[in-house]
Amino acid sequence: MKQRLKQAGDRATQTRNAVATRLRAAGAVSRATATTIAFDAGEAKLIDRMIAFGAVKETPEGARWLDERRFVDFRKEGLASVLGYLALAGFAAAGALAATG
């Protein structure tokens, strides 16, 4: 279970970093430089989460840009979630061992 959580966390990190890299490469780092970029289905889900968090901003016309300060906070929140899941898995494993022991 720990391995699956780690792999899921790695994929999420890679996708998050890929989205940020694409926005930066397009120069979309402010409202004035916002742009429209097509994202695949997996990235689109993440973009929706990033918009809800404020890490990616969207104009009424649908152009997007990366808010670097909020992106740092978004990364920290993602790490906290992964660590929380790992801790939960660890407690579950310890409980299972204690119950059988």
PDB file of N, CA and C in Angstrom:
ATOM      1  N   MET A   1       0.820  -1.188   0.000  1.00  0.00           N
ATOM      2  CA  MET A   1       0.000   0.000   0.000  1.00  0.00           C
ATOM      3  C   MET A   1       0.865   1.253   0.000  1.00  0.00           C
ATOM      4  N   LYS A   2       1.936   1.225   0.796  1.00  0.00           N
ATOM      5  CA  LYS A   2       2.830   2.361   0.852  1.00  0.00           C
ATOM      6  C   LYS A   2       3.424   2.667  -0.523  1.00  0.00           C
ATOM      7  N   GLN A   3       3.783   1.598  -1.238  1.00  0.00           N
ATOM      8  CA  GLN A   3       4.380   1.765  -2.563  1.00  0.00           C
ATOM      9  C   GLN A   3       3.382   2.413  -3.529  1.00  0.00           C
ATOM     10  N   ARG A   4       2.121   1.965  -3.477  1.00  0.00           N
ATOM     11  CA  ARG A   4       1.101   2.542  -4.358  1.00  0.00           C
ATOM     12  C   ARG A   4       0.880   4.018  -4.056  1.00  0.00           C
ATOM     13  N   LEU A   5       0.876   4.373  -2.763  1.00  0.00           N
ATOM     14  CA  LEU A   5       0.715   5.778  -2.395  1.00  0.00           C
ATOM     15  C   LEU A   5       1.897   6.604  -2.882  1.00  0.00           C
ATOM     16  N   LYS A   6       3.097   6.037  -2.765  1.00  0.00           N
ATOM     17  CA  LYS A   6       4.285   6.744  -3.229  1.00  0.00           C
ATOM     18  C   LYS A   6       4.222   6.953  -4.736  1.00  0.00           C
ATOM     19  N   GLN A   7       3.821   5.926  -5.477  1.00  0.00           N
ATOM     20  CA  GLN A   7       3.716   6.046  -6.932  1.00  0.00           C
ATOM     21  C   GLN A   7       2.665   7.088  -7.315  1.00  0.00           C
ATOM     22  N   ALA A   8       1.541   7.072  -6.622  1.00  0.00           N
ATOM     23  CA  ALA A   8       0.491   8.063  -6.906  1.00  0.00           C
ATOM     24  C   ALA A   8       1.005   9.466  -6.608  1.00  0.00           C
ATOM     25  N   GLY A   9       1.736   9.605  -5.504  1.00  0.00           N
ATOM     26  CA  GLY A   9       2.316  10.899  -5.155  1.00  0.00           C
ATOM     27  C   GLY A   9       3.334  11.358  -6.191  1.00  0.00           C
ATOM     28  N   ASP A  10       4.147  10.415  -6.681  1.00  0.00           N
ATOM     29  CA  ASP A  10       5.133  10.747  -7.713  1.00  0.00           C
ATOM     30  C   ASP A  10       4.454  11.213  -8.994  1.00  0.00           C
ATOM     31  N   ARG A  11       3.393  10.512  -9.397  1.00  0.00           N
ATOM     32  CA  ARG A  11       2.665  10.907 -10.618  1.00  0.00           C
ATOM     33  C   ARG A  11       2.041  12.290 -10.442  1.00  0.00           C
ATOM     34  N   ALA A  12       1.460  12.517  -9.280  1.00  0.00           N
ATOM     35  CA  ALA A  12       0.837  13.822  -9.024  1.00  0.00           C
ATOM     36  C   ALA A  12       1.887  14.928  -9.054  1.00  0.00           C
ATOM     37  N   THR A  13       3.045  14.665  -8.461  1.00  0.00           N
ATOM     38  CA  THR A  13       4.129  15.645  -8.466  1.00  0.00           C
ATOM     39  C   THR A  13       4.609  15.918  -9.880  1.00  0.00           C
ATOM     40  N   GLN A  14       4.786  14.859 -10.667  1.00  0.00           N
ATOM     41  CA  GLN A  14       5.233  15.031 -12.056  1.00  0.00           C
ATOM     42  C   GLN A  14       4.218  15.828 -12.863  1.00  0.00           C
ATOM     43  N   THR A  15       2.940  15.513 -12.692  1.00  0.00           N
ATOM     44  CA  THR A  15       1.896  16.225 -13.435  1.00  0.00           C
ATOM     45  C   THR A  15       1.846  17.683 -13.013  1.00  0.00           C
ATOM     46  N   ARG A  16       1.899  17.920 -11.709  1.00  0.00           N
ATOM     47  CA  ARG A  16       1.871  19.296 -11.190  1.00  0.00           C
ATOM     48  C   ARG A  16       3.053  20.097 -11.733  1.00  0.00           C
ATOM     49  N   ASN A  17       4.233  19.502 -11.705  1.00  0.00           N
ATOM     50  CA  ASN A  17       5.418  20.204 -12.201  1.00  0.00           C
ATOM     51  C   ASN A  17       5.357  20.404 -13.710  1.00  0.00           C
ATOM     52  N   ALA A  18       4.808  19.429 -14.443  1.00  0.00           N
ATOM     53  CA  ALA A  18       4.676  19.562 -15.900  1.00  0.00           C
ATOM     54  C   ALA A  18       3.735  20.709 -16.259  1.00  0.00           C
ATOM     55  N   VAL A  19       2.631  20.815 -15.529  1.00  0.00           N
ATOM     56  CA  VAL A  19       1.679  21.905 -15.776  1.00  0.00           C
ATOM     57  C   VAL A  19       2.355  23.250 -15.519  1.00  0.00           C
ATOM     58  N   ALA A  20       3.044  23.363 -14.398  1.00  0.00           N
ATOM     59  CA  ALA A  20       3.721  24.618 -14.067  1.00  0.00           C
ATOM     60  C   ALA A  20       4.799  24.944 -15.093  1.00  0.00           C
ATOM     61  N   THR A  21       5.539  23.946 -15.532  1.00  0.00           N
ATOM     62  CA  THR A  21       6.593  24.154 -16.527  1.00  0.00           C
ATOM     63  C   THR A  21       6.008  24.629 -17.852  1.00  0.00           C
ATOM     64  N   ARG A  22       4.901  24.033 -18.262  1.00  0.00           N
ATOM     65  CA  ARG A  22       4.260  24.446 -19.520  1.00  0.00           C
ATOM     66  C   ARG A  22       3.764  25.888 -19.452  1.00  0.00           C
ATOM     67  N   LEU A  23       3.176  26.259 -18.314  1.00  0.00           N
ATOM     68  CA  LEU A  23       2.706  27.637 -18.164  1.00  0.00           C
ATOM     69  C   LEU A  23       3.883  28.613 -18.159  1.00  0.00           C
ATOM     70  N   ARG A  24       4.948  28.249 -17.437  1.00  0.00           N
ATOM     71  CA  ARG A  24       6.132  29.118 -17.406  1.00  0.00           C
ATOM     72  C   ARG A  24       6.755  29.245 -18.799  1.00  0.00           C
ATOM     73  N   ALA A  25       6.878  28.114 -19.500  1.00  0.00           N
ATOM     74  CA  ALA A  25       7.479  28.122 -20.843  1.00  0.00           C
ATOM     75  C   ALA A  25       6.675  28.998 -21.807  1.00  0.00           C
ATOM     76  N   ALA A  26       5.369  29.043 -21.597  1.00  0.00           N
ATOM     77  CA  ALA A  26       4.514  29.890 -22.436  1.00  0.00           C
ATOM     78  C   ALA A  26       4.556  31.347 -21.980  1.00  0.00           C
ATOM     79  N   GLY A  27       5.259  31.609 -20.864  1.00  0.00           N
ATOM     80  CA  GLY A  27       5.341  32.968 -20.340  1.00  0.00           C
ATOM     81  C   GLY A  27       4.104  33.383 -19.566  1.00  0.00           C
ATOM     82  N   ALA A  28       3.241  32.432 -19.245  1.00  0.00           N
ATOM     83  CA  ALA A  28       1.969  32.724 -18.572  1.00  0.00           C
ATOM     84  C   ALA A  28       2.177  32.790 -17.058  1.00  0.00           C
ATOM     85  N   VAL A  29       2.770  33.895 -16.615  1.00  0.00           N
ATOM     86  CA  VAL A  29       3.064  34.058 -15.193  1.00  0.00           C
ATOM     87  C   VAL A  29       2.418  35.313 -14.599  1.00  0.00           C
ATOM     88  N   SER A  30       1.556  35.953 -15.374  1.00  0.00           N
ATOM     89  CA  SER A  30       0.809  37.109 -14.869  1.00  0.00           C
ATOM     90  C   SER A  30      -0.462  37.260 -15.700  1.00  0.00           C
ATOM     91  N   ARG A  31      -1.367  38.067 -15.212  1.00  0.00           N
ATOM     92  CA  ARG A  31      -2.622  38.284 -15.950  1.00  0.00           C
ATOM     93  C   ARG A  31      -2.340  38.846 -17.345  1.00  0.00           C
ATOM     94  N   ALA A  32      -1.349  39.720 -17.430  1.00  0.00           N
ATOM     95  CA  ALA A  32      -1.018  40.341 -18.714  1.00  0.00           C
ATOM     96  C   ALA A  32      -0.471  39.338 -19.724  1.00  0.00           C
ATOM     97  N   THR A  33       0.131  38.246 -19.223  1.00  0.00           N
ATOM     98  CA  THR A  33       0.732  37.259 -20.127  1.00  0.00           C
ATOM     99  C   THR A  33      -0.037  35.944 -20.145  1.00  0.00           C
ATOM    100  N   ALA A  34      -1.248  35.953 -19.594  1.00  0.00           N
ATOM    101  CA  ALA A  34      -2.070  34.729 -19.558  1.00  0.00           C
ATOM    102  C   ALA A  34      -2.299  34.206 -20.967  1.00  0.00           C
ATOM    103  N   THR A  35      -2.398  32.890 -21.078  1.00  0.00           N
ATOM    104  CA  THR A  35      -2.568  32.273 -22.385  1.00  0.00           C
ATOM    105  C   THR A  35      -3.484  31.056 -22.289  1.00  0.00           C
ATOM    106  N   THR A  36      -3.941  30.591 -23.440  1.00  0.00           N
ATOM    107  CA  THR A  36      -4.734  29.365 -23.473  1.00  0.00           C
ATOM    108  C   THR A  36      -3.829  28.229 -23.933  1.00  0.00           C
ATOM    109  N   ILE A  37      -3.787  27.183 -23.162  1.00  0.00           N
ATOM    110  CA  ILE A  37      -2.986  25.998 -23.466  1.00  0.00           C
ATOM    111  C   ILE A  37      -3.914  24.801 -23.327  1.00  0.00           C
ATOM    112  N   ALA A  38      -3.826  23.884 -24.272  1.00  0.00           N
ATOM    113  CA  ALA A  38      -4.622  22.651 -24.182  1.00  0.00           C
ATOM    114  C   ALA A  38      -3.890  21.664 -23.274  1.00  0.00           C
ATOM    115  N   PHE A  39      -4.620  21.119 -22.315  1.00  0.00           N
ATOM    116  CA  PHE A  39      -4.068  20.128 -21.402  1.00  0.00           C
ATOM    117  C   PHE A  39      -4.793  18.806 -21.614  1.00  0.00           C
ATOM    118  N   ASP A  40      -4.107  17.686 -21.341  1.00  0.00           N
ATOM    119  CA  ASP A  40      -4.779  16.386 -21.458  1.00  0.00           C
ATOM    120  C   ASP A  40      -5.723  16.190 -20.277  1.00  0.00           C
ATOM    121  N   ALA A  41      -6.464  15.090 -20.288  1.00  0.00           N
ATOM    122  CA  ALA A  41      -7.512  14.864 -19.280  1.00  0.00           C
ATOM    123  C   ALA A  41      -6.958  14.854 -17.860  1.00  0.00           C
ATOM    124  N   GLY A  42      -5.836  14.191 -17.642  1.00  0.00           N
ATOM    125  CA  GLY A  42      -5.239  14.141 -16.309  1.00  0.00           C
ATOM    126  C   GLY A  42      -4.791  15.511 -15.839  1.00  0.00           C
ATOM    127  N   GLU A  43      -4.198  16.268 -16.749  1.00  0.00           N
ATOM    128  CA  GLU A  43      -3.765  17.617 -16.402  1.00  0.00           C
ATOM    129  C   GLU A  43      -4.958  18.531 -16.166  1.00  0.00           C
ATOM    130  N   ALA A  44      -6.032  18.326 -16.923  1.00  0.00           N
ATOM    131  CA  ALA A  44      -7.216  19.176 -16.788  1.00  0.00           C
ATOM    132  C   ALA A  44      -7.817  19.056 -15.387  1.00  0.00           C
ATOM    133  N   LYS A  45      -7.844  17.839 -14.831  1.00  0.00           N
ATOM    134  CA  LYS A  45      -8.343  17.659 -13.459  1.00  0.00           C
ATOM    135  C   LYS A  45      -7.481  18.439 -12.479  1.00  0.00           C
ATOM    136  N   LEU A  46      -6.174  18.332 -12.669  1.00  0.00           N
ATOM    137  CA  LEU A  46      -5.251  19.037 -11.782  1.00  0.00           C
ATOM    138  C   LEU A  46      -5.403  20.547 -11.940  1.00  0.00           C
ATOM    139  N   ILE A  47      -5.543  21.017 -13.173  1.00  0.00           N
ATOM    140  CA  ILE A  47      -5.737  22.451 -13.424  1.00  0.00           C
ATOM    141  C   ILE A  47      -6.960  22.952 -12.655  1.00  0.00           C
ATOM    142  N   ASP A  48      -8.046  22.165 -12.676  1.00  0.00           N
ATOM    143  CA  ASP A  48      -9.249  22.562 -11.941  1.00  0.00           C
ATOM    144  C   ASP A  48      -8.951  22.712 -10.450  1.00  0.00           C
ATOM    145  N   ARG A  49      -8.177  21.771  -9.895  1.00  0.00           N
ATOM    146  CA  ARG A  49      -7.789  21.864  -8.477  1.00  0.00           C
ATOM    147  C   ARG A  49      -6.891  23.076  -8.232  1.00  0.00           C
ATOM    148  N   MET A  50      -5.971  23.316  -9.164  1.00  0.00           N
ATOM    149  CA  MET A  50      -5.054  24.445  -9.015  1.00  0.00           C
ATOM    150  C   MET A  50      -5.798  25.774  -9.115  1.00  0.00           C
ATOM    151  N   ILE A  51      -6.806  25.840  -9.983  1.00  0.00           N
ATOM    152  CA  ILE A  51      -7.622  27.053 -10.087  1.00  0.00           C
ATOM    153  C   ILE A  51      -8.408  27.265  -8.794  1.00  0.00           C
ATOM    154  N   ALA A  52      -9.008  26.197  -8.274  1.00  0.00           N
ATOM    155  CA  ALA A  52      -9.770  26.307  -7.024  1.00  0.00           C
ATOM    156  C   ALA A  52      -8.873  26.768  -5.874  1.00  0.00           C
ATOM    157  N   PHE A  53      -7.628  26.326  -5.874  1.00  0.00           N
ATOM    158  CA  PHE A  53      -6.683  26.697  -4.825  1.00  0.00           C
ATOM    159  C   PHE A  53      -6.137  28.112  -5.027  1.00  0.00           C
ATOM    160  N   GLY A  54      -6.091  28.557  -6.291  1.00  0.00           N
ATOM    161  CA  GLY A  54      -5.536  29.867  -6.599  1.00  0.00           C
ATOM    162  C   GLY A  54      -4.129  29.817  -7.153  1.00  0.00           C
ATOM    163  N   ALA A  55      -3.587  28.613  -7.370  1.00  0.00           N
ATOM    164  CA  ALA A  55      -2.236  28.476  -7.921  1.00  0.00           C
ATOM    165  C   ALA A  55      -2.222  28.804  -9.405  1.00  0.00           C
ATOM    166  N   VAL A  56      -3.336  28.550 -10.072  1.00  0.00           N
ATOM    167  CA  VAL A  56      -3.517  28.957 -11.466  1.00  0.00           C
ATOM    168  C   VAL A  56      -4.712  29.889 -11.482  1.00  0.00           C
ATOM    169  N   LYS A  57      -4.557  31.005 -12.144  1.00  0.00           N
ATOM    170  CA  LYS A  57      -5.641  31.987 -12.272  1.00  0.00           C
ATOM    171  C   LYS A  57      -6.195  31.898 -13.691  1.00  0.00           C
ATOM    172  N   GLU A  58      -7.463  32.277 -13.832  1.00  0.00           N
ATOM    173  CA  GLU A  58      -8.110  32.198 -15.139  1.00  0.00           C
ATOM    174  C   GLU A  58      -8.857  33.505 -15.413  1.00  0.00           C
ATOM    175  N   THR A  59      -8.707  34.001 -16.619  1.00  0.00           N
ATOM    176  CA  THR A  59      -9.430  35.206 -17.021  1.00  0.00           C
ATOM    177  C   THR A  59     -10.841  34.807 -17.451  1.00  0.00           C
ATOM    178  N   PRO A  60     -11.752  35.765 -17.539  1.00  0.00           N
ATOM    179  CA  PRO A  60     -13.104  35.456 -18.028  1.00  0.00           C
ATOM    180  C   PRO A  60     -13.097  34.853 -19.438  1.00  0.00           C
ATOM    181  N   GLU A  61     -12.061  35.151 -20.208  1.00  0.00           N
ATOM    182  CA  GLU A  61     -11.953  34.627 -21.568  1.00  0.00           C
ATOM    183  C   GLU A  61     -11.386  33.209 -21.601  1.00  0.00           C
ATOM    184  N   GLY A  62     -10.936  32.698 -20.451  1.00  0.00           N
ATOM    185  CA  GLY A  62     -10.411  31.338 -20.378  1.00  0.00           C
ATOM    186  C   GLY A  62      -8.900  31.220 -20.462  1.00  0.00           C
ATOM    187  N   ALA A  63      -8.195  32.338 -20.559  1.00  0.00           N
ATOM    188  CA  ALA A  63      -6.730  32.305 -20.542  1.00  0.00           C
ATOM    189  C   ALA A  63      -6.270  32.064 -19.107  1.00  0.00           C
ATOM    190  N   ARG A  64      -5.142  31.364 -18.958  1.00  0.00           N
ATOM    191  CA  ARG A  64      -4.650  31.004 -17.619  1.00  0.00           C
ATOM    192  C   ARG A  64      -3.210  31.446 -17.418  1.00  0.00           C
ATOM    193  N   TRP A  65      -2.871  31.637 -16.137  1.00  0.00           N
ATOM    194  CA  TRP A  65      -1.490  31.917 -15.788  1.00  0.00           C
ATOM    195  C   TRP A  65      -1.190  31.333 -14.424  1.00  0.00           C
ATOM    196  N   LEU A  66       0.100  31.110 -14.181  1.00  0.00           N
ATOM    197  CA  LEU A  66       0.577  30.517 -12.937  1.00  0.00           C
ATOM    198  C   LEU A  66       0.882  31.613 -11.928  1.00  0.00           C
ATOM    199  N   ASP A  67       0.260  31.520 -10.763  1.00  0.00           N
ATOM    200  CA  ASP A  67       0.562  32.420  -9.652  1.00  0.00           C
ATOM    201  C   ASP A  67       1.643  31.712  -8.831  1.00  0.00           C
ATOM    202  N   GLU A  68       2.886  32.152  -9.008  1.00  0.00           N
ATOM    203  CA  GLU A  68       4.032  31.452  -8.407  1.00  0.00           C
ATOM    204  C   GLU A  68       3.937  31.329  -6.882  1.00  0.00           C
ATOM    205  N   ARG A  69       3.500  32.379  -6.208  1.00  0.00           N
ATOM    206  CA  ARG A  69       3.407  32.322  -4.737  1.00  0.00           C
ATOM    207  C   ARG A  69       2.381  31.289  -4.295  1.00  0.00           C
ATOM    208  N   ARG A  70       1.223  31.294  -4.925  1.00  0.00           N
ATOM    209  CA  ARG A  70       0.183  30.326  -4.566  1.00  0.00           C
ATOM    210  C   ARG A  70       0.596  28.914  -4.980  1.00  0.00           C
ATOM    211  N   PHE A  71       1.391  28.795  -6.061  1.00  0.00           N
ATOM    212  CA  PHE A  71       1.866  27.489  -6.500  1.00  0.00           C
ATOM    213  C   PHE A  71       2.757  26.861  -5.435  1.00  0.00           C
ATOM    214  N   VAL A  72       3.593  27.655  -4.787  1.00  0.00           N
ATOM    215  CA  VAL A  72       4.441  27.145  -3.707  1.00  0.00           C
ATOM    216  C   VAL A  72       3.556  26.595  -2.582  1.00  0.00           C
ATOM    217  N   ASP A  73       2.507  27.320  -2.234  1.00  0.00           N
ATOM    218  CA  ASP A  73       1.578  26.850  -1.199  1.00  0.00           C
ATOM    219  C   ASP A  73       0.858  25.584  -1.644  1.00  0.00           C
ATOM    220  N   PHE A  74       0.499  25.515  -2.911  1.00  0.00           N
ATOM    221  CA  PHE A  74      -0.177  24.328  -3.461  1.00  0.00           C
ATOM    222  C   PHE A  74       0.734  23.109  -3.358  1.00  0.00           C
ATOM    223  N   ARG A  75       2.010  23.284  -3.657  1.00  0.00           N
ATOM    224  CA  ARG A  75       2.975  22.175  -3.544  1.00  0.00           C
ATOM    225  C   ARG A  75       3.077  21.700  -2.098  1.00  0.00           C
ATOM    226  N   LYS A  76       3.133  22.645  -1.165  1.00  0.00           N
ATOM    227  CA  LYS A  76       3.226  22.282   0.251  1.00  0.00           C
ATOM    228  C   LYS A  76       1.989  21.511   0.695  1.00  0.00           C
ATOM    229  N   GLU A  77       0.822  21.936   0.232  1.00  0.00           N
ATOM    230  CA  GLU A  77      -0.411  21.242   0.604  1.00  0.00           C
ATOM    231  C   GLU A  77      -0.416  19.822   0.040  1.00  0.00           C
ATOM    232  N   GLY A  78       0.071  19.662  -1.181  1.00  0.00           N
ATOM    233  CA  GLY A  78       0.159  18.332  -1.787  1.00  0.00           C
ATOM    234  C   GLY A  78       1.083  17.423  -0.994  1.00  0.00           C
ATOM    235  N   LEU A  79       2.210  17.946  -0.555  1.00  0.00           N
ATOM    236  CA  LEU A  79       3.147  17.163   0.250  1.00  0.00           C
ATOM    237  C   LEU A  79       2.518  16.772   1.579  1.00  0.00           C
ATOM    238  N   ALA A  80       1.810  17.693   2.196  1.00  0.00           N
ATOM    239  CA  ALA A  80       1.150  17.399   3.472  1.00  0.00           C
ATOM    240  C   ALA A  80       0.116  16.289   3.297  1.00  0.00           C
ATOM    241  N   SER A  81      -0.607  16.290   2.187  1.00  0.00           N
ATOM    242  CA  SER A  81      -1.601  15.237   1.933  1.00  0.00           C
ATOM    243  C   SER A  81      -0.937  13.881   1.792  1.00  0.00           C
ATOM    244  N   VAL A  82       0.147  13.828   1.019  1.00  0.00           N
ATOM    245  CA  VAL A  82       0.865  12.559   0.830  1.00  0.00           C
ATOM    246  C   VAL A  82       1.405  12.053   2.158  1.00  0.00           C
ATOM    247  N   LEU A  83       1.994  12.930   2.940  1.00  0.00           N
ATOM    248  CA  LEU A  83       2.525  12.525   4.245  1.00  0.00           C
ATOM    249  C   LEU A  83       1.409  12.049   5.169  1.00  0.00           C
ATOM    250  N   GLY A  84       0.258  12.691   5.090  1.00  0.00           N
ATOM    251  CA  GLY A  84      -0.888  12.266   5.892  1.00  0.00           C
ATOM    252  C   GLY A  84      -1.349  10.872   5.516  1.00  0.00           C
ATOM    253  N   TYR A  85      -1.418  10.593   4.216  1.00  0.00           N
ATOM    254  CA  TYR A  85      -1.815   9.253   3.760  1.00  0.00           C
ATOM    255  C   TYR A  85      -0.791   8.206   4.189  1.00  0.00           C
ATOM    256  N   LEU A  86       0.486   8.536   4.101  1.00  0.00           N
ATOM    257  CA  LEU A  86       1.519   7.591   4.527  1.00  0.00           C
ATOM    258  C   LEU A  86       1.420   7.315   6.024  1.00  0.00           C
ATOM    259  N   ALA A  87       1.162   8.350   6.802  1.00  0.00           N
ATOM    260  CA  ALA A  87       1.012   8.159   8.244  1.00  0.00           C
ATOM    261  C   ALA A  87      -0.193   7.283   8.541  1.00  0.00           C
ATOM    262  N   LEU A  88      -1.292   7.530   7.840  1.00  0.00           N
ATOM    263  CA  LEU A  88      -2.495   6.728   8.026  1.00  0.00           C
ATOM    264  C   LEU A  88      -2.232   5.268   7.673  1.00  0.00           C
ATOM    265  N   ALA A  89      -1.528   5.035   6.578  1.00  0.00           N
ATOM    266  CA  ALA A  89      -1.186   3.658   6.180  1.00  0.00           C
ATOM    267  C   ALA A  89      -0.294   3.005   7.229  1.00  0.00           C
ATOM    268  N   GLY A  90       0.618   3.767   7.780  1.00  0.00           N
ATOM    269  CA  GLY A  90       1.509   3.250   8.826  1.00  0.00           C
ATOM    270  C   GLY A  90       0.734   2.871  10.076  1.00  0.00           C
ATOM    271  N   PHE A  91      -0.207   3.701  10.480  1.00  0.00           N
ATOM    272  CA  PHE A  91      -1.024   3.378  11.658  1.00  0.00           C
ATOM    273  C   PHE A  91      -1.887   2.153  11.411  1.00  0.00           C
ATOM    274  N   ALA A  92      -2.425   2.037  10.201  1.00  0.00           N
ATOM    275  CA  ALA A  92      -3.246   0.871   9.867  1.00  0.00           C
ATOM    276  C   ALA A  92      -2.412  -0.398   9.910  1.00  0.00           C
ATOM    277  N   ALA A  93      -1.199  -0.325   9.386  1.00  0.00           N
ATOM    278  CA  ALA A  93      -0.319  -1.505   9.391  1.00  0.00           C
ATOM    279  C   ALA A  93       0.060  -1.872  10.830  1.00  0.00           C
ATOM    280  N   ALA A  94       0.369  -0.860  11.644  1.00  0.00           N
ATOM    281  CA  ALA A  94       0.719  -1.120  13.038  1.00  0.00           C
ATOM    282  C   ALA A  94      -0.460  -1.733  13.791  1.00  0.00           C
ATOM    283  N   GLY A  95      -1.659  -1.243  13.515  1.00  0.00           N
ATOM    284  CA  GLY A  95      -2.850  -1.796  14.160  1.00  0.00           C
ATOM    285  C   GLY A  95      -3.084  -3.237  13.753  1.00  0.00           C
ATOM    286  N   ALA A  96      -2.865  -3.526  12.470  1.00  0.00           N
ATOM    287  CA  ALA A  96      -3.033  -4.895  11.987  1.00  0.00           C
ATOM    288  C   ALA A  96      -2.018  -5.837  12.634  1.00  0.00           C
ATOM    289  N   LEU A  97      -0.792  -5.360  12.769  1.00  0.00           N
ATOM    290  CA  LEU A  97       0.240  -6.170  13.407  1.00  0.00           C
ATOM    291  C   LEU A  97      -0.073  -6.397  14.887  1.00  0.00           C
ATOM    292  N   ALA A  98      -0.548  -5.373  15.544  1.00  0.00           N
ATOM    293  CA  ALA A  98      -0.876  -5.500  16.962  1.00  0.00           C
ATOM    294  C   ALA A  98      -2.053  -6.455  17.173  1.00  0.00           C
ATOM    295  N   ALA A  99      -2.998  -6.432  16.248  1.00  0.00           N
ATOM    296  CA  ALA A  99      -4.177  -7.297  16.363  1.00  0.00           C
ATOM    297  C   ALA A  99      -3.820  -8.767  16.151  1.00  0.00           C
ATOM    298  N   THR A 100      -2.810  -9.029  15.325  1.00  0.00           N
ATOM    299  CA  THR A 100      -2.426 -10.418  15.051  1.00  0.00           C
ATOM    300  C   THR A 100      -1.386 -10.924  16.026  1.00  0.00           C
ATOM    301  N   GLY A 101      -0.770 -10.000  16.733  1.00  0.00           N
ATOM    302  CA  GLY A 101       0.351 -10.363  17.568  1.00  0.00           C
ATOM    303  C   GLY A 101      -0.002 -10.848  18.885  1.00  0.00           C
TER     304      GLY A 101
END
